Amino acid sequence: MSNTPPDRLSTDPRSKFYDQALLARGIGVRFNGTERHNIEEYCISEGWVRMPVGKSLDRRGQPMTLKAKGTVEVWFLDEQETPSEQ
């Protein structure tokens, strides 16, 4: 497997960007300089993340999400090193 995380990844099994093998390795996400643990989907090249909004659910029972734009840094948690602080 590659040590470079994909440009886009989702935790929703219905998405075409879902990959169970990559999620099993563990993904670390830093958004606008803050490490986040509640990211549902991200895209590095377009610079956005989707995160849940409280405990609200949509009509299909999925969490309501908010798309926020900013700087996205991603790494695998099973690696020894993490991105350096800037």
C-alpha atoms as a PDB file:
ATOM      1  CA  MET A   1       0.000   0.000   0.000  1.00  0.00           C
ATOM      2  CA  SER A   2       1.043   3.571  -0.595  1.00  0.00           C
ATOM      3  CA  ASN A   3       2.023   5.851   2.282  1.00  0.00           C
ATOM      4  CA  THR A   4       0.240   8.772   0.632  1.00  0.00           C
ATOM      5  CA  PRO A   5      -3.431   9.203   1.624  1.00  0.00           C
ATOM      6  CA  PRO A   6      -5.931   9.621  -1.230  1.00  0.00           C
ATOM      7  CA  ASP A   7      -7.002  13.080  -2.393  1.00  0.00           C
ATOM      8  CA  ARG A   8     -10.600  12.362  -1.396  1.00  0.00           C
ATOM      9  CA  LEU A   9     -12.046   9.871   1.095  1.00  0.00           C
ATOM     10  CA  SER A  10     -15.455   9.322   2.688  1.00  0.00           C
ATOM     11  CA  THR A  11     -16.646   7.300   5.692  1.00  0.00           C
ATOM     12  CA  ASP A  12     -20.067   6.736   4.085  1.00  0.00           C
ATOM     13  CA  PRO A  13     -20.279   3.224   2.512  1.00  0.00           C
ATOM     14  CA  ARG A  14     -22.711   4.562  -0.120  1.00  0.00           C
ATOM     15  CA  SER A  15     -20.103   6.992  -1.495  1.00  0.00           C
ATOM     16  CA  LYS A  16     -17.856   6.117  -4.441  1.00  0.00           C
ATOM     17  CA  PHE A  17     -14.964   7.601  -2.405  1.00  0.00           C
ATOM     18  CA  TYR A  18     -15.391   5.045   0.417  1.00  0.00           C
ATOM     19  CA  ASP A  19     -12.477   2.615   0.925  1.00  0.00           C
ATOM     20  CA  GLN A  20     -12.663   0.219   3.895  1.00  0.00           C
ATOM     21  CA  ALA A  21      -8.989  -0.814   3.665  1.00  0.00           C
ATOM     22  CA  LEU A  22      -7.772   2.784   3.941  1.00  0.00           C
ATOM     23  CA  LEU A  23     -10.152   3.586   6.786  1.00  0.00           C
ATOM     24  CA  ALA A  24      -8.934   0.509   8.678  1.00  0.00           C
ATOM     25  CA  ARG A  25      -5.401   1.972   8.639  1.00  0.00           C
ATOM     26  CA  GLY A  26      -6.713   5.089  10.341  1.00  0.00           C
ATOM     27  CA  ILE A  27      -6.720   8.590   8.899  1.00  0.00           C
ATOM     28  CA  GLY A  28      -5.628  11.724  10.728  1.00  0.00           C
ATOM     29  CA  VAL A  29      -7.069  15.030   9.520  1.00  0.00           C
ATOM     30  CA  ARG A  30      -5.934  18.546  10.360  1.00  0.00           C
ATOM     31  CA  PHE A  31      -8.345  21.254   9.170  1.00  0.00           C
ATOM     32  CA  ASN A  32      -7.194  24.892   9.342  1.00  0.00           C
ATOM     33  CA  GLY A  33      -4.452  23.930  11.796  1.00  0.00           C
ATOM     34  CA  THR A  34      -6.728  22.004  14.199  1.00  0.00           C
ATOM     35  CA  GLU A  35      -6.713  18.213  14.392  1.00  0.00           C
ATOM     36  CA  ARG A  36     -10.278  16.973  13.886  1.00  0.00           C
ATOM     37  CA  HIS A  37     -11.748  13.565  14.720  1.00  0.00           C
ATOM     38  CA  ASN A  38     -15.276  14.014  13.359  1.00  0.00           C
ATOM     39  CA  ILE A  39     -14.642  14.433   9.622  1.00  0.00           C
ATOM     40  CA  GLU A  40     -17.089  12.487   7.426  1.00  0.00           C
ATOM     41  CA  GLU A  41     -15.429  13.280   4.076  1.00  0.00           C
ATOM     42  CA  TYR A  42     -12.519  15.387   2.845  1.00  0.00           C
ATOM     43  CA  CYS A  43     -10.952  16.602  -0.391  1.00  0.00           C
ATOM     44  CA  ILE A  44      -7.384  17.897  -0.261  1.00  0.00           C
ATOM     45  CA  SER A  45      -7.191  19.384  -3.784  1.00  0.00           C
ATOM     46  CA  GLU A  46     -10.453  21.338  -3.450  1.00  0.00           C
ATOM     47  CA  GLY A  47      -9.742  22.263   0.193  1.00  0.00           C
ATOM     48  CA  TRP A  48     -12.923  21.208   2.001  1.00  0.00           C
ATOM     49  CA  VAL A  49     -14.228  18.816   4.639  1.00  0.00           C
ATOM     50  CA  ARG A  50     -17.687  17.571   5.614  1.00  0.00           C
ATOM     51  CA  MET A  51     -18.444  17.267   9.312  1.00  0.00           C
ATOM     52  CA  PRO A  52     -21.633  16.477  11.233  1.00  0.00           C
ATOM     53  CA  VAL A  53     -23.786  19.296  12.591  1.00  0.00           C
ATOM     54  CA  GLY A  54     -24.749  18.371  16.154  1.00  0.00           C
ATOM     55  CA  LYS A  55     -27.004  15.344  16.512  1.00  0.00           C
ATOM     56  CA  SER A  56     -29.385  16.282  13.693  1.00  0.00           C
ATOM     57  CA  LEU A  57     -30.336  13.572  11.197  1.00  0.00           C
ATOM     58  CA  ASP A  58     -31.666  13.891   7.665  1.00  0.00           C
ATOM     59  CA  ARG A  59     -34.790  12.088   6.463  1.00  0.00           C
ATOM     60  CA  ARG A  60     -32.730   8.947   5.689  1.00  0.00           C
ATOM     61  CA  GLY A  61     -31.324   8.779   9.224  1.00  0.00           C
ATOM     62  CA  GLN A  62     -27.854   9.983   8.233  1.00  0.00           C
ATOM     63  CA  PRO A  63     -26.130  12.800  10.151  1.00  0.00           C
ATOM     64  CA  MET A  64     -26.626  16.307   8.757  1.00  0.00           C
ATOM     65  CA  THR A  65     -23.272  17.591   7.521  1.00  0.00           C
ATOM     66  CA  LEU A  66     -21.682  20.967   6.946  1.00  0.00           C
ATOM     67  CA  LYS A  67     -19.168  21.554   4.155  1.00  0.00           C
ATOM     68  CA  ALA A  68     -16.364  23.864   5.300  1.00  0.00           C
ATOM     69  CA  LYS A  69     -13.536  25.209   3.151  1.00  0.00           C
ATOM     70  CA  GLY A  70      -9.963  25.688   4.296  1.00  0.00           C
ATOM     71  CA  THR A  71      -6.563  24.017   4.516  1.00  0.00           C
ATOM     72  CA  VAL A  72      -6.746  20.210   4.736  1.00  0.00           C
ATOM     73  CA  GLU A  73      -3.786  18.028   5.831  1.00  0.00           C
ATOM     74  CA  VAL A  74      -4.153  14.245   5.944  1.00  0.00           C
ATOM     75  CA  TRP A  75      -1.919  11.373   7.132  1.00  0.00           C
ATOM     76  CA  PHE A  76      -2.197   7.704   8.049  1.00  0.00           C
ATOM     77  CA  LEU A  77      -2.356   7.020  11.796  1.00  0.00           C
ATOM     78  CA  ASP A  78      -0.435   3.745  11.476  1.00  0.00           C
ATOM     79  CA  GLU A  79       2.695   5.645  10.390  1.00  0.00           C
ATOM     80  CA  GLN A  80       5.295   6.548  13.001  1.00  0.00           C
ATOM     81  CA  GLU A  81       5.486  10.213  12.078  1.00  0.00           C
ATOM     82  CA  THR A  82       2.793  12.887  11.811  1.00  0.00           C
ATOM     83  CA  PRO A  83       3.010  16.148   9.841  1.00  0.00           C
ATOM     84  CA  SER A  84       5.214  18.716  11.530  1.00  0.00           C
ATOM     85  CA  GLU A  85       3.672  21.704  13.272  1.00  0.00           C
ATOM     86  CA  GLN A  86       3.869  24.922  11.308  1.00  0.00           C
END
